[in-house]
Amino acid sequence: MNHNLREVIDSLSRQYRSVVIDNEAGMEHLSRRTTRDVDHLIIVSDATQRGIVAAERIAAFRHELDIRITNSYLVLNRAPRELPLPLQQRIGQMDVPLLGLVPADEELVAFEYSGRPLIELPDDSPVYTAVADMMRHLL
């Protein structure tokens, strides 16, 4: 199964400028070597000490993989407007730079509850703006 998935991803990679792979939490998919080259590994965590510890483990594990990872970043999801100082300090000690924060947003929660697609978020949505800024940085 992993070999077949790797072949599909390799084929797509030759046909498109970018291929985005959204994995479940953890590094299982990368450790199965379903891809060989990663330009941007984005480690997404919530803004908690527990989440940051998990992100640190993933960041450390990436060095053990037989995969070429060019860049790694941390993104905090559902983040408060200002990160508490202990989180800022912990993130500052990581060997992965903070790419950005996706803010906690009631409009996004309403979309999730109602089943509305996130593509309908308005361009001035704090979530849309934050993600767009991060993507401009990467691309």
C-alpha atoms as a PDB file:
ATOM      1  CA  MET A   1       0.000   0.000   0.000  1.00  0.00           C
ATOM      2  CA  ASN A   2       2.750   2.477   0.957  1.00  0.00           C
ATOM      3  CA  HIS A   3       4.675   1.646  -2.226  1.00  0.00           C
ATOM      4  CA  ASN A   4       1.567   2.355  -4.338  1.00  0.00           C
ATOM      5  CA  LEU A   5       0.942   5.620  -2.525  1.00  0.00           C
ATOM      6  CA  ARG A   6       4.581   6.655  -3.052  1.00  0.00           C
ATOM      7  CA  GLU A   7       4.259   5.956  -6.790  1.00  0.00           C
ATOM      8  CA  VAL A   8       1.094   8.074  -7.017  1.00  0.00           C
ATOM      9  CA  ILE A   9       2.688  10.951  -5.101  1.00  0.00           C
ATOM     10  CA  ASP A  10       5.840  10.752  -7.238  1.00  0.00           C
ATOM     11  CA  SER A  11       3.699  10.829 -10.383  1.00  0.00           C
ATOM     12  CA  LEU A  12       1.715  13.836  -9.157  1.00  0.00           C
ATOM     13  CA  SER A  13       4.921  15.616  -8.177  1.00  0.00           C
ATOM     14  CA  ARG A  14       6.165  15.417 -11.757  1.00  0.00           C
ATOM     15  CA  GLN A  15       2.928  16.895 -13.124  1.00  0.00           C
ATOM     16  CA  TYR A  16       2.276  19.720 -10.644  1.00  0.00           C
ATOM     17  CA  ARG A  17       4.330  22.528  -9.208  1.00  0.00           C
ATOM     18  CA  SER A  18       3.057  21.781  -5.702  1.00  0.00           C
ATOM     19  CA  VAL A  19       1.530  18.772  -4.013  1.00  0.00           C
ATOM     20  CA  VAL A  20       0.016  19.218  -0.558  1.00  0.00           C
ATOM     21  CA  ILE A  21      -0.292  16.168   1.661  1.00  0.00           C
ATOM     22  CA  ASP A  22      -2.400  16.583   4.780  1.00  0.00           C
ATOM     23  CA  ASN A  23      -1.468  13.816   7.202  1.00  0.00           C
ATOM     24  CA  GLU A  24      -3.211  12.687  10.317  1.00  0.00           C
ATOM     25  CA  ALA A  25      -1.568  13.766  13.543  1.00  0.00           C
ATOM     26  CA  GLY A  26       1.886  12.244  13.954  1.00  0.00           C
ATOM     27  CA  MET A  27       4.648  11.211  11.614  1.00  0.00           C
ATOM     28  CA  GLU A  28       3.434   7.734  10.657  1.00  0.00           C
ATOM     29  CA  HIS A  29       2.897   8.627   7.012  1.00  0.00           C
ATOM     30  CA  LEU A  30       6.367  10.084   6.625  1.00  0.00           C
ATOM     31  CA  SER A  31       7.987   7.232   8.542  1.00  0.00           C
ATOM     32  CA  ARG A  32       6.350   4.855   6.041  1.00  0.00           C
ATOM     33  CA  ARG A  33       8.229   6.804   3.355  1.00  0.00           C
ATOM     34  CA  THR A  34       5.171   7.566   1.276  1.00  0.00           C
ATOM     35  CA  THR A  35       7.182  10.444  -0.137  1.00  0.00           C
ATOM     36  CA  ARG A  36      10.909  10.971  -0.625  1.00  0.00           C
ATOM     37  CA  ASP A  37      11.276  14.734  -0.820  1.00  0.00           C
ATOM     38  CA  VAL A  38       9.504  17.378   1.248  1.00  0.00           C
ATOM     39  CA  ASP A  39      10.048  21.056   0.514  1.00  0.00           C
ATOM     40  CA  HIS A  40       8.000  22.360   3.445  1.00  0.00           C
ATOM     41  CA  LEU A  41       7.086  20.267   6.462  1.00  0.00           C
ATOM     42  CA  ILE A  42       4.492  22.186   8.452  1.00  0.00           C
ATOM     43  CA  ILE A  43       3.996  20.917  11.979  1.00  0.00           C
ATOM     44  CA  VAL A  44       0.614  22.097  13.229  1.00  0.00           C
ATOM     45  CA  SER A  45      -0.111  22.226  16.948  1.00  0.00           C
ATOM     46  CA  ASP A  46      -2.573  23.819  19.264  1.00  0.00           C
ATOM     47  CA  ALA A  47      -1.304  26.582  21.541  1.00  0.00           C
ATOM     48  CA  THR A  48      -0.748  24.465  24.651  1.00  0.00           C
ATOM     49  CA  GLN A  49       2.332  23.121  26.412  1.00  0.00           C
ATOM     50  CA  ARG A  50       1.167  19.567  25.625  1.00  0.00           C
ATOM     51  CA  GLY A  51       0.776  20.441  21.962  1.00  0.00           C
ATOM     52  CA  ILE A  52       4.189  22.105  21.818  1.00  0.00           C
ATOM     53  CA  VAL A  53       5.805  19.023  23.401  1.00  0.00           C
ATOM     54  CA  ALA A  54       4.221  16.844  20.685  1.00  0.00           C
ATOM     55  CA  ALA A  55       5.436  19.284  18.014  1.00  0.00           C
ATOM     56  CA  GLU A  56       8.957  19.136  19.482  1.00  0.00           C
ATOM     57  CA  ARG A  57       8.896  15.332  19.248  1.00  0.00           C
ATOM     58  CA  ILE A  58       7.819  15.489  15.629  1.00  0.00           C
ATOM     59  CA  ALA A  59      10.487  18.100  14.892  1.00  0.00           C
ATOM     60  CA  ALA A  60      13.167  15.878  16.466  1.00  0.00           C
ATOM     61  CA  PHE A  61      11.889  12.750  14.702  1.00  0.00           C
ATOM     62  CA  ARG A  62      12.215  14.338  11.278  1.00  0.00           C
ATOM     63  CA  HIS A  63      16.024  14.035  11.532  1.00  0.00           C
ATOM     64  CA  GLU A  64      15.722  10.246  11.839  1.00  0.00           C
ATOM     65  CA  LEU A  65      13.744   9.818   8.625  1.00  0.00           C
ATOM     66  CA  ASP A  66      15.279   8.771   5.342  1.00  0.00           C
ATOM     67  CA  ILE A  67      13.536  11.688   3.643  1.00  0.00           C
ATOM     68  CA  ARG A  68      14.942  14.939   2.344  1.00  0.00           C
ATOM     69  CA  ILE A  69      13.107  17.741   4.187  1.00  0.00           C
ATOM     70  CA  THR A  70      14.236  21.159   2.991  1.00  0.00           C
ATOM     71  CA  ASN A  71      12.301  23.384   5.421  1.00  0.00           C
ATOM     72  CA  SER A  72      10.340  22.741   8.599  1.00  0.00           C
ATOM     73  CA  TYR A  73       7.966  25.141  10.303  1.00  0.00           C
ATOM     74  CA  LEU A  74       5.632  25.288  13.265  1.00  0.00           C
ATOM     75  CA  VAL A  75       2.076  26.628  12.945  1.00  0.00           C
ATOM     76  CA  LEU A  76      -0.134  27.135  15.965  1.00  0.00           C
ATOM     77  CA  ASN A  77      -3.819  26.559  15.356  1.00  0.00           C
ATOM     78  CA  ARG A  78      -6.686  28.197  17.264  1.00  0.00           C
ATOM     79  CA  ALA A  79      -4.157  30.471  18.910  1.00  0.00           C
ATOM     80  CA  PRO A  80      -5.015  33.330  21.260  1.00  0.00           C
ATOM     81  CA  ARG A  81      -4.230  36.881  20.141  1.00  0.00           C
ATOM     82  CA  GLU A  82      -1.148  36.896  22.348  1.00  0.00           C
ATOM     83  CA  LEU A  83       0.770  33.775  23.209  1.00  0.00           C
ATOM     84  CA  PRO A  84       1.493  33.337  26.917  1.00  0.00           C
ATOM     85  CA  LEU A  85       5.142  33.960  27.767  1.00  0.00           C
ATOM     86  CA  PRO A  86       5.874  30.315  28.730  1.00  0.00           C
ATOM     87  CA  LEU A  87       4.714  29.188  25.272  1.00  0.00           C
ATOM     88  CA  GLN A  88       6.740  31.892  23.572  1.00  0.00           C
ATOM     89  CA  GLN A  89       9.825  30.770  25.475  1.00  0.00           C
ATOM     90  CA  ARG A  90       9.280  27.087  24.683  1.00  0.00           C
ATOM     91  CA  ILE A  91       8.742  27.815  21.003  1.00  0.00           C
ATOM     92  CA  GLY A  92      11.866  29.981  20.971  1.00  0.00           C
ATOM     93  CA  GLN A  93      13.903  26.969  22.117  1.00  0.00           C
ATOM     94  CA  MET A  94      12.658  24.701  19.328  1.00  0.00           C
ATOM     95  CA  ASP A  95      14.781  24.002  16.290  1.00  0.00           C
ATOM     96  CA  VAL A  96      11.782  24.771  14.070  1.00  0.00           C
ATOM     97  CA  PRO A  97      10.803  28.376  13.364  1.00  0.00           C
ATOM     98  CA  LEU A  98       7.280  29.577  14.031  1.00  0.00           C
ATOM     99  CA  LEU A  99       5.686  30.216  10.635  1.00  0.00           C
ATOM    100  CA  GLY A 100       2.556  31.766  12.065  1.00  0.00           C
ATOM    101  CA  LEU A 101      -0.572  31.612  14.145  1.00  0.00           C
ATOM    102  CA  VAL A 102      -4.046  30.672  12.987  1.00  0.00           C
ATOM    103  CA  PRO A 103      -6.183  32.662  15.392  1.00  0.00           C
ATOM    104  CA  ALA A 104      -9.106  31.313  17.343  1.00  0.00           C
ATOM    105  CA  ASP A 105     -12.127  32.695  15.521  1.00  0.00           C
ATOM    106  CA  GLU A 106     -15.852  32.436  16.280  1.00  0.00           C
ATOM    107  CA  GLU A 107     -16.762  32.731  12.600  1.00  0.00           C
ATOM    108  CA  LEU A 108     -14.667  29.658  11.841  1.00  0.00           C
ATOM    109  CA  VAL A 109     -16.369  27.780  14.677  1.00  0.00           C
ATOM    110  CA  ALA A 110     -19.761  28.714  13.222  1.00  0.00           C
ATOM    111  CA  PHE A 111     -18.650  27.405   9.814  1.00  0.00           C
ATOM    112  CA  GLU A 112     -17.531  24.133  11.382  1.00  0.00           C
ATOM    113  CA  TYR A 113     -20.806  23.675  13.286  1.00  0.00           C
ATOM    114  CA  SER A 114     -22.965  24.415  10.260  1.00  0.00           C
ATOM    115  CA  GLY A 115     -20.877  22.375   7.826  1.00  0.00           C
ATOM    116  CA  ARG A 116     -20.165  25.353   5.578  1.00  0.00           C
ATOM    117  CA  PRO A 117     -16.999  24.932   3.509  1.00  0.00           C
ATOM    118  CA  LEU A 118     -14.039  26.993   4.678  1.00  0.00           C
ATOM    119  CA  ILE A 119     -13.504  28.218   1.131  1.00  0.00           C
ATOM    120  CA  GLU A 120     -16.474  30.515   1.809  1.00  0.00           C
ATOM    121  CA  LEU A 121     -14.632  32.392   4.568  1.00  0.00           C
ATOM    122  CA  PRO A 122     -14.441  36.062   3.582  1.00  0.00           C
ATOM    123  CA  ASP A 123     -11.092  37.438   2.445  1.00  0.00           C
ATOM    124  CA  ASP A 124     -10.949  39.681   5.505  1.00  0.00           C
ATOM    125  CA  SER A 125     -11.414  36.769   7.927  1.00  0.00           C
ATOM    126  CA  PRO A 126      -8.568  36.650  10.488  1.00  0.00           C
ATOM    127  CA  VAL A 127      -8.106  32.952   9.718  1.00  0.00           C
ATOM    128  CA  TYR A 128      -7.986  33.512   5.956  1.00  0.00           C
ATOM    129  CA  THR A 129      -5.566  36.429   6.354  1.00  0.00           C
ATOM    130  CA  ALA A 130      -3.230  34.465   8.645  1.00  0.00           C
ATOM    131  CA  VAL A 131      -3.098  31.422   6.366  1.00  0.00           C
ATOM    132  CA  ALA A 132      -2.664  33.576   3.241  1.00  0.00           C
ATOM    133  CA  ASP A 133       0.277  35.384   4.872  1.00  0.00           C
ATOM    134  CA  MET A 134       1.928  32.067   5.729  1.00  0.00           C
ATOM    135  CA  MET A 135       1.430  30.750   2.191  1.00  0.00           C
ATOM    136  CA  ARG A 136       2.943  33.917   0.699  1.00  0.00           C
ATOM    137  CA  HIS A 137       5.975  33.332   2.893  1.00  0.00           C
ATOM    138  CA  LEU A 138       6.336  29.748   1.675  1.00  0.00           C
ATOM    139  CA  LEU A 139       5.637  30.345  -1.993  1.00  0.00           C
END
